[in-house]
Amino acid sequence: MTSQDHPEVLMPPPLLHLGGLFIGYTLDRVFHWQLAPSDERVALALLPALPAVALILWTALLFRRHRTTLLPQRAASTLVTQGPFRVSRNPIYLSFALLHLACAIANGSPGMLLTLPLVVYVMDRHVIAAEEAFHQRQFGEAWQAYRARVRRWL
C-alpha cells in the first residue's frame, strides 16, 4: 500500500489521548498536583463523558451503515456527511477530547488538564491533517464542498 491508498496516520488517536492522560498523571505525581477533593467531581465528569460516548456510538453506527472504516489509518470508502458530521468533520476526535477532559475532572488532575491542549494540537496538525489530505485525494470536489460547509471541530 502506498501513501496514496490510505491516510498517513502514524499513531492511533485513542493512543494519543491515553499517552496524554498518562503524562498528565505522571506530572501530577512528580509535582504532587491534585485538585481539592470533591463529592461532585464524578458527577461533573459525566457532563462531558456521556455526550462523548453517545457521539462515538452514533458515529460508529453511521460508519457501519455506510460500510466504511472507523480506523483512521485505513482508506474510507464513503464520505459520511450525515448526523454529527453535519456539525463537525471530526465528531469522534471531539468525543475523545471530551473523554480526556472527563478523566481529568474525575481524577482531579491538573496534569491531565494541561496535556489536553497538547494532544488536541497534535491531533489537529498531524492526524486530522493526514486524513484530510487523503480525503481530498479520495473524494475530490465532494470533499471540498463538505469542507467548505462544515468546520473541522465545531
N, C-alpha and C. Protein backbone atom coordinates (compact mmCIF):
# COMPACT_ATOMS: atom_id res chain seq x y z
N MET A 1 0.83 -1.18 0.00
CA MET A 1 0.00 0.00 0.00
C MET A 1 0.87 1.25 0.00
N THR A 2 0.59 2.17 -0.86
CA THR A 2 1.34 3.43 -0.89
C THR A 2 0.64 4.47 -0.04
N SER A 3 1.30 5.61 0.16
CA SER A 3 0.69 6.68 0.93
C SER A 3 -0.57 7.22 0.25
N GLN A 4 -0.72 6.95 -1.05
CA GLN A 4 -1.89 7.41 -1.77
C GLN A 4 -3.11 6.54 -1.48
N ASP A 5 -2.91 5.33 -0.94
CA ASP A 5 -4.00 4.39 -0.71
C ASP A 5 -4.72 4.58 0.62
N HIS A 6 -4.12 5.30 1.53
CA HIS A 6 -4.70 5.47 2.86
C HIS A 6 -4.09 6.70 3.52
N PRO A 7 -4.76 7.22 4.55
CA PRO A 7 -4.17 8.36 5.27
C PRO A 7 -2.89 7.95 5.99
N GLU A 8 -1.94 8.84 6.06
CA GLU A 8 -0.67 8.56 6.74
C GLU A 8 -0.78 8.94 8.22
N VAL A 9 -1.61 8.19 8.95
CA VAL A 9 -1.79 8.40 10.38
C VAL A 9 -0.82 7.47 11.09
N LEU A 10 0.14 8.06 11.80
CA LEU A 10 1.21 7.28 12.42
C LEU A 10 0.84 6.70 13.78
N MET A 11 -0.04 7.37 14.51
CA MET A 11 -0.40 6.93 15.86
C MET A 11 -1.92 6.92 15.97
N PRO A 12 -2.51 5.80 16.38
CA PRO A 12 -3.97 5.78 16.55
C PRO A 12 -4.41 6.85 17.56
N PRO A 13 -5.42 7.64 17.21
CA PRO A 13 -5.87 8.73 18.09
C PRO A 13 -6.17 8.33 19.54
N PRO A 14 -6.80 7.17 19.79
CA PRO A 14 -7.01 6.82 21.21
C PRO A 14 -5.70 6.70 21.98
N LEU A 15 -4.65 6.22 21.32
CA LEU A 15 -3.36 6.10 22.00
C LEU A 15 -2.74 7.46 22.28
N LEU A 16 -2.99 8.44 21.42
CA LEU A 16 -2.51 9.80 21.70
C LEU A 16 -3.14 10.33 22.98
N HIS A 17 -4.44 10.13 23.12
CA HIS A 17 -5.11 10.60 24.33
C HIS A 17 -4.68 9.80 25.56
N LEU A 18 -4.54 8.50 25.41
CA LEU A 18 -4.07 7.71 26.56
C LEU A 18 -2.67 8.13 26.96
N GLY A 19 -1.83 8.41 25.99
CA GLY A 19 -0.48 8.90 26.29
C GLY A 19 -0.53 10.23 27.01
N GLY A 20 -1.40 11.14 26.56
CA GLY A 20 -1.56 12.43 27.22
C GLY A 20 -2.07 12.28 28.64
N LEU A 21 -3.01 11.35 28.84
CA LEU A 21 -3.52 11.11 30.20
C LEU A 21 -2.42 10.54 31.09
N PHE A 22 -1.63 9.64 30.55
CA PHE A 22 -0.53 9.05 31.34
C PHE A 22 0.51 10.11 31.69
N ILE A 23 0.87 10.94 30.73
CA ILE A 23 1.84 12.01 31.01
C ILE A 23 1.28 12.96 32.06
N GLY A 24 -0.01 13.31 31.93
CA GLY A 24 -0.64 14.17 32.91
C GLY A 24 -0.65 13.55 34.30
N TYR A 25 -0.96 12.27 34.37
CA TYR A 25 -0.94 11.55 35.65
C TYR A 25 0.47 11.58 36.25
N THR A 26 1.46 11.37 35.40
CA THR A 26 2.85 11.40 35.85
C THR A 26 3.23 12.78 36.38
N LEU A 27 2.82 13.83 35.67
CA LEU A 27 3.08 15.19 36.14
C LEU A 27 2.45 15.42 37.52
N ASP A 28 1.23 14.93 37.69
CA ASP A 28 0.56 15.07 38.99
C ASP A 28 1.37 14.42 40.10
N ARG A 29 1.92 13.25 39.82
CA ARG A 29 2.68 12.52 40.85
C ARG A 29 4.03 13.19 41.12
N VAL A 30 4.70 13.61 40.07
CA VAL A 30 6.02 14.22 40.23
C VAL A 30 5.92 15.55 40.99
N PHE A 31 4.92 16.37 40.64
CA PHE A 31 4.79 17.69 41.24
C PHE A 31 3.78 17.74 42.40
N HIS A 32 3.24 16.59 42.75
CA HIS A 32 2.26 16.48 43.84
C HIS A 32 1.05 17.39 43.61
N TRP A 33 0.59 17.39 42.35
CA TRP A 33 -0.58 18.17 41.99
C TRP A 33 -1.84 17.36 42.25
N GLN A 34 -2.85 17.99 42.78
CA GLN A 34 -4.15 17.36 42.94
C GLN A 34 -5.16 18.45 43.25
N LEU A 35 -6.26 18.46 42.54
CA LEU A 35 -7.31 19.40 42.86
C LEU A 35 -7.96 18.98 44.17
N ALA A 36 -8.56 19.92 44.85
CA ALA A 36 -9.19 19.63 46.14
C ALA A 36 -10.25 18.53 45.97
N PRO A 37 -10.33 17.61 46.93
CA PRO A 37 -11.36 16.56 46.87
C PRO A 37 -12.76 17.16 46.78
N SER A 38 -13.61 16.49 46.04
CA SER A 38 -14.97 16.98 45.84
C SER A 38 -15.91 15.82 45.57
N ASP A 39 -17.04 15.81 46.27
CA ASP A 39 -18.04 14.78 46.03
C ASP A 39 -18.71 14.95 44.66
N GLU A 40 -18.69 16.16 44.14
CA GLU A 40 -19.35 16.45 42.87
C GLU A 40 -18.47 16.15 41.65
N ARG A 41 -17.22 15.81 41.87
CA ARG A 41 -16.28 15.66 40.76
C ARG A 41 -16.73 14.60 39.75
N VAL A 42 -17.18 13.45 40.23
CA VAL A 42 -17.59 12.39 39.30
C VAL A 42 -18.84 12.83 38.52
N ALA A 43 -19.79 13.43 39.22
CA ALA A 43 -20.99 13.92 38.53
C ALA A 43 -20.62 14.98 37.49
N LEU A 44 -19.70 15.85 37.85
CA LEU A 44 -19.24 16.88 36.91
C LEU A 44 -18.54 16.25 35.70
N ALA A 45 -17.79 15.18 35.92
CA ALA A 45 -17.10 14.49 34.83
C ALA A 45 -18.08 13.83 33.86
N LEU A 46 -19.26 13.50 34.34
CA LEU A 46 -20.26 12.89 33.46
C LEU A 46 -20.79 13.87 32.42
N LEU A 47 -20.71 15.17 32.72
CA LEU A 47 -21.21 16.17 31.77
C LEU A 47 -20.52 16.08 30.41
N PRO A 48 -19.19 15.97 30.33
CA PRO A 48 -18.59 15.76 29.01
C PRO A 48 -18.57 14.28 28.60
N ALA A 49 -18.54 13.36 29.57
CA ALA A 49 -18.37 11.94 29.24
C ALA A 49 -19.60 11.33 28.55
N LEU A 50 -20.77 11.61 29.06
CA LEU A 50 -21.97 10.99 28.49
C LEU A 50 -22.24 11.41 27.05
N PRO A 51 -22.20 12.71 26.74
CA PRO A 51 -22.38 13.06 25.32
C PRO A 51 -21.26 12.51 24.44
N ALA A 52 -20.05 12.42 24.98
CA ALA A 52 -18.93 11.88 24.19
C ALA A 52 -19.18 10.43 23.81
N VAL A 53 -19.63 9.63 24.76
CA VAL A 53 -19.90 8.21 24.48
C VAL A 53 -21.05 8.09 23.48
N ALA A 54 -22.10 8.89 23.67
CA ALA A 54 -23.24 8.86 22.74
C ALA A 54 -22.79 9.25 21.33
N LEU A 55 -21.94 10.24 21.23
CA LEU A 55 -21.44 10.70 19.93
C LEU A 55 -20.58 9.63 19.25
N ILE A 56 -19.74 8.96 20.02
CA ILE A 56 -18.93 7.87 19.45
C ILE A 56 -19.82 6.75 18.93
N LEU A 57 -20.82 6.37 19.71
CA LEU A 57 -21.72 5.29 19.27
C LEU A 57 -22.50 5.70 18.02
N TRP A 58 -22.98 6.93 17.99
CA TRP A 58 -23.72 7.42 16.83
C TRP A 58 -22.85 7.39 15.58
N THR A 59 -21.63 7.90 15.68
CA THR A 59 -20.76 7.91 14.51
C THR A 59 -20.36 6.51 14.10
N ALA A 60 -20.14 5.62 15.06
CA ALA A 60 -19.80 4.23 14.73
C ALA A 60 -20.94 3.57 13.97
N LEU A 61 -22.16 3.82 14.38
CA LEU A 61 -23.32 3.27 13.68
C LEU A 61 -23.43 3.82 12.26
N LEU A 62 -23.16 5.12 12.10
CA LEU A 62 -23.19 5.72 10.76
C LEU A 62 -22.12 5.10 9.87
N PHE A 63 -20.92 4.92 10.40
CA PHE A 63 -19.85 4.32 9.61
C PHE A 63 -20.23 2.89 9.21
N ARG A 64 -20.82 2.17 10.13
CA ARG A 64 -21.23 0.79 9.81
C ARG A 64 -22.31 0.79 8.74
N ARG A 65 -23.29 1.67 8.87
CA ARG A 65 -24.37 1.76 7.89
C ARG A 65 -23.82 2.08 6.50
N HIS A 66 -22.78 2.92 6.44
CA HIS A 66 -22.19 3.31 5.16
C HIS A 66 -21.07 2.36 4.72
N ARG A 67 -20.83 1.34 5.51
CA ARG A 67 -19.81 0.32 5.22
C ARG A 67 -18.43 0.93 4.96
N THR A 68 -18.05 1.82 5.85
CA THR A 68 -16.73 2.42 5.78
C THR A 68 -16.02 2.21 7.11
N THR A 69 -14.74 2.46 7.14
CA THR A 69 -13.93 2.13 8.31
C THR A 69 -13.92 3.24 9.36
N LEU A 70 -13.80 2.82 10.60
CA LEU A 70 -13.59 3.74 11.72
C LEU A 70 -12.10 4.01 11.92
N LEU A 71 -11.26 3.16 11.39
CA LEU A 71 -9.83 3.24 11.63
C LEU A 71 -9.19 4.30 10.74
N PRO A 72 -8.54 5.29 11.34
CA PRO A 72 -8.00 6.40 10.55
C PRO A 72 -6.85 6.02 9.64
N GLN A 73 -6.17 4.92 9.89
CA GLN A 73 -5.06 4.52 9.04
C GLN A 73 -5.52 3.69 7.84
N ARG A 74 -6.82 3.48 7.73
CA ARG A 74 -7.37 2.76 6.57
C ARG A 74 -8.15 3.72 5.69
N ALA A 75 -8.28 3.35 4.44
CA ALA A 75 -8.97 4.21 3.46
C ALA A 75 -10.47 4.20 3.68
N ALA A 76 -11.05 5.36 3.81
CA ALA A 76 -12.51 5.48 3.87
C ALA A 76 -13.07 5.22 2.48
N SER A 77 -14.16 4.46 2.44
CA SER A 77 -14.78 4.17 1.14
C SER A 77 -15.92 5.13 0.82
N THR A 78 -16.40 5.81 1.85
CA THR A 78 -17.53 6.72 1.70
C THR A 78 -17.27 7.98 2.51
N LEU A 79 -17.66 9.12 1.97
CA LEU A 79 -17.59 10.37 2.70
C LEU A 79 -18.91 10.53 3.46
N VAL A 80 -18.87 10.32 4.76
CA VAL A 80 -20.07 10.41 5.59
C VAL A 80 -20.27 11.87 5.99
N THR A 81 -21.46 12.40 5.66
CA THR A 81 -21.75 13.81 5.94
C THR A 81 -23.06 13.99 6.71
N GLN A 82 -23.67 12.90 7.14
CA GLN A 82 -24.93 12.98 7.87
C GLN A 82 -24.68 12.98 9.38
N GLY A 83 -25.77 13.13 10.12
CA GLY A 83 -25.70 13.05 11.57
C GLY A 83 -24.76 14.11 12.15
N PRO A 84 -23.88 13.70 13.08
CA PRO A 84 -22.99 14.67 13.71
C PRO A 84 -21.97 15.27 12.74
N PHE A 85 -21.79 14.62 11.59
CA PHE A 85 -20.85 15.12 10.59
C PHE A 85 -21.40 16.37 9.87
N ARG A 86 -22.65 16.72 10.15
CA ARG A 86 -23.20 17.97 9.62
C ARG A 86 -22.69 19.17 10.40
N VAL A 87 -22.21 18.91 11.64
CA VAL A 87 -21.76 19.99 12.53
C VAL A 87 -20.25 19.99 12.71
N SER A 88 -19.63 18.81 12.67
CA SER A 88 -18.19 18.67 12.87
C SER A 88 -17.64 17.64 11.90
N ARG A 89 -16.49 17.95 11.30
CA ARG A 89 -15.85 16.96 10.43
C ARG A 89 -15.19 15.85 11.24
N ASN A 90 -15.05 16.07 12.55
CA ASN A 90 -14.34 15.12 13.40
C ASN A 90 -15.06 14.86 14.72
N PRO A 91 -16.29 14.36 14.68
CA PRO A 91 -17.03 14.17 15.93
C PRO A 91 -16.40 13.12 16.85
N ILE A 92 -15.73 12.12 16.29
CA ILE A 92 -15.09 11.12 17.15
C ILE A 92 -13.91 11.75 17.88
N TYR A 93 -13.12 12.54 17.20
CA TYR A 93 -11.98 13.19 17.85
C TYR A 93 -12.45 14.22 18.88
N LEU A 94 -13.54 14.87 18.59
CA LEU A 94 -14.15 15.77 19.57
C LEU A 94 -14.56 14.96 20.80
N SER A 95 -15.12 13.78 20.58
CA SER A 95 -15.52 12.91 21.69
C SER A 95 -14.31 12.47 22.51
N PHE A 96 -13.22 12.13 21.84
CA PHE A 96 -12.00 11.74 22.58
C PHE A 96 -11.52 12.89 23.47
N ALA A 97 -11.58 14.11 22.95
CA ALA A 97 -11.17 15.27 23.75
C ALA A 97 -12.09 15.44 24.95
N LEU A 98 -13.39 15.25 24.75
CA LEU A 98 -14.33 15.34 25.88
C LEU A 98 -14.08 14.25 26.91
N LEU A 99 -13.74 13.05 26.46
CA LEU A 99 -13.43 11.96 27.40
C LEU A 99 -12.13 12.25 28.16
N HIS A 100 -11.16 12.83 27.48
CA HIS A 100 -9.91 13.24 28.13
C HIS A 100 -10.24 14.25 29.24
N LEU A 101 -11.08 15.23 28.92
CA LEU A 101 -11.50 16.22 29.90
C LEU A 101 -12.22 15.56 31.07
N ALA A 102 -13.10 14.62 30.78
CA ALA A 102 -13.85 13.92 31.83
C ALA A 102 -12.90 13.16 32.76
N CYS A 103 -11.88 12.52 32.20
CA CYS A 103 -10.90 11.80 33.03
C CYS A 103 -10.15 12.78 33.93
N ALA A 104 -9.77 13.93 33.39
CA ALA A 104 -9.06 14.94 34.17
C ALA A 104 -9.93 15.43 35.33
N ILE A 105 -11.20 15.68 35.04
CA ILE A 105 -12.12 16.16 36.09
C ILE A 105 -12.32 15.08 37.15
N ALA A 106 -12.61 13.86 36.70
CA ALA A 106 -12.89 12.77 37.64
C ALA A 106 -11.71 12.49 38.56
N ASN A 107 -10.50 12.66 38.03
CA ASN A 107 -9.30 12.38 38.82
C ASN A 107 -8.76 13.61 39.54
N GLY A 108 -9.39 14.75 39.33
CA GLY A 108 -8.89 15.99 39.93
C GLY A 108 -7.46 16.26 39.52
N SER A 109 -7.19 16.08 38.23
CA SER A 109 -5.82 16.07 37.71
C SER A 109 -5.46 17.32 36.91
N PRO A 110 -4.69 18.25 37.50
CA PRO A 110 -4.20 19.39 36.72
C PRO A 110 -3.30 18.94 35.57
N GLY A 111 -2.51 17.90 35.78
CA GLY A 111 -1.61 17.41 34.72
C GLY A 111 -2.38 16.94 33.50
N MET A 112 -3.47 16.21 33.72
CA MET A 112 -4.28 15.74 32.60
C MET A 112 -4.94 16.90 31.88
N LEU A 113 -5.34 17.91 32.64
CA LEU A 113 -5.92 19.11 32.01
C LEU A 113 -4.87 19.82 31.15
N LEU A 114 -3.64 19.88 31.64
CA LEU A 114 -2.57 20.54 30.89
C LEU A 114 -2.22 19.81 29.60
N THR A 115 -2.31 18.48 29.61
CA THR A 115 -1.95 17.73 28.40
C THR A 115 -3.04 17.76 27.34
N LEU A 116 -4.27 18.07 27.72
CA LEU A 116 -5.37 18.07 26.75
C LEU A 116 -5.11 19.00 25.56
N PRO A 117 -4.74 20.27 25.77
CA PRO A 117 -4.49 21.12 24.58
C PRO A 117 -3.34 20.62 23.72
N LEU A 118 -2.34 20.00 24.33
CA LEU A 118 -1.22 19.46 23.55
C LEU A 118 -1.67 18.30 22.67
N VAL A 119 -2.48 17.42 23.23
CA VAL A 119 -2.98 16.28 22.46
C VAL A 119 -3.88 16.78 21.33
N VAL A 120 -4.75 17.72 21.64
CA VAL A 120 -5.64 18.27 20.60
C VAL A 120 -4.83 18.92 19.49
N TYR A 121 -3.75 19.61 19.85
CA TYR A 121 -2.88 20.22 18.84
C TYR A 121 -2.27 19.15 17.93
N VAL A 122 -1.75 18.09 18.51
CA VAL A 122 -1.15 17.00 17.71
C VAL A 122 -2.22 16.36 16.83
N MET A 123 -3.40 16.15 17.38
CA MET A 123 -4.49 15.57 16.59
C MET A 123 -4.81 16.48 15.40
N ASP A 124 -4.93 17.77 15.67
CA ASP A 124 -5.32 18.72 14.65
C ASP A 124 -4.26 18.83 13.54
N ARG A 125 -3.00 18.98 13.93
CA ARG A 125 -1.93 19.25 12.97
C ARG A 125 -1.40 18.01 12.26
N HIS A 126 -1.55 16.84 12.88
CA HIS A 126 -0.96 15.64 12.28
C HIS A 126 -2.01 14.63 11.85
N VAL A 127 -2.82 14.16 12.79
CA VAL A 127 -3.80 13.11 12.45
C VAL A 127 -4.85 13.65 11.48
N ILE A 128 -5.51 14.72 11.87
CA ILE A 128 -6.58 15.26 11.03
C ILE A 128 -6.02 15.79 9.71
N ALA A 129 -4.87 16.43 9.75
CA ALA A 129 -4.27 16.93 8.52
C ALA A 129 -3.99 15.78 7.54
N ALA A 130 -3.49 14.66 8.04
CA ALA A 130 -3.23 13.50 7.18
C ALA A 130 -4.52 12.93 6.62
N GLU A 131 -5.53 12.84 7.46
CA GLU A 131 -6.82 12.32 6.98
C GLU A 131 -7.42 13.25 5.93
N GLU A 132 -7.33 14.55 6.17
CA GLU A 132 -7.92 15.48 5.22
C GLU A 132 -7.19 15.50 3.88
N ALA A 133 -5.89 15.33 3.91
CA ALA A 133 -5.14 15.23 2.65
C ALA A 133 -5.60 14.00 1.87
N PHE A 134 -5.80 12.90 2.58
CA PHE A 134 -6.30 11.69 1.92
C PHE A 134 -7.71 11.91 1.37
N HIS A 135 -8.58 12.53 2.18
CA HIS A 135 -9.96 12.74 1.73
C HIS A 135 -10.01 13.63 0.49
N GLN A 136 -9.10 14.58 0.41
CA GLN A 136 -9.03 15.42 -0.78
C GLN A 136 -8.71 14.56 -2.00
N ARG A 137 -7.73 13.66 -1.85
CA ARG A 137 -7.38 12.77 -2.98
C ARG A 137 -8.52 11.79 -3.28
N GLN A 138 -9.14 11.26 -2.27
CA GLN A 138 -10.14 10.20 -2.42
C GLN A 138 -11.48 10.75 -2.94
N PHE A 139 -11.91 11.90 -2.43
CA PHE A 139 -13.27 12.36 -2.71
C PHE A 139 -13.35 13.67 -3.49
N GLY A 140 -12.21 14.30 -3.75
CA GLY A 140 -12.13 15.47 -4.63
C GLY A 140 -13.12 16.59 -4.32
N GLU A 141 -13.96 16.92 -5.32
CA GLU A 141 -14.89 18.04 -5.19
C GLU A 141 -15.91 17.84 -4.09
N ALA A 142 -16.36 16.61 -3.88
CA ALA A 142 -17.32 16.35 -2.79
C ALA A 142 -16.68 16.70 -1.45
N TRP A 143 -15.40 16.38 -1.28
CA TRP A 143 -14.70 16.73 -0.04
C TRP A 143 -14.57 18.25 0.08
N GLN A 144 -14.22 18.92 -1.00
CA GLN A 144 -14.06 20.37 -0.96
C GLN A 144 -15.37 21.06 -0.57
N ALA A 145 -16.47 20.60 -1.12
CA ALA A 145 -17.78 21.18 -0.79
C ALA A 145 -18.12 20.94 0.68
N TYR A 146 -17.89 19.73 1.14
CA TYR A 146 -18.14 19.39 2.55
C TYR A 146 -17.25 20.22 3.47
N ARG A 147 -15.99 20.30 3.12
CA ARG A 147 -15.01 21.06 3.94
C ARG A 147 -15.40 22.54 4.01
N ALA A 148 -15.93 23.07 2.93
CA ALA A 148 -16.32 24.49 2.92
C ALA A 148 -17.54 24.75 3.79
N ARG A 149 -18.36 23.74 4.00
CA ARG A 149 -19.60 23.98 4.73
C ARG A 149 -19.55 23.53 6.19
N VAL A 150 -18.59 22.66 6.57
CA VAL A 150 -18.55 22.12 7.94
C VAL A 150 -17.17 22.38 8.54
N ARG A 151 -17.16 22.85 9.78
CA ARG A 151 -15.90 23.14 10.47
C ARG A 151 -15.18 21.86 10.87
N ARG A 152 -13.89 22.00 11.09
CA ARG A 152 -13.05 20.86 11.47
C ARG A 152 -13.47 20.30 12.84
N TRP A 153 -13.66 21.16 13.81
CA TRP A 153 -14.02 20.72 15.17
C TRP A 153 -15.47 21.02 15.48
N LEU A 154 -15.81 22.26 15.61
CA LEU A 154 -17.21 22.69 15.88
C LEU A 154 -17.51 23.96 15.11
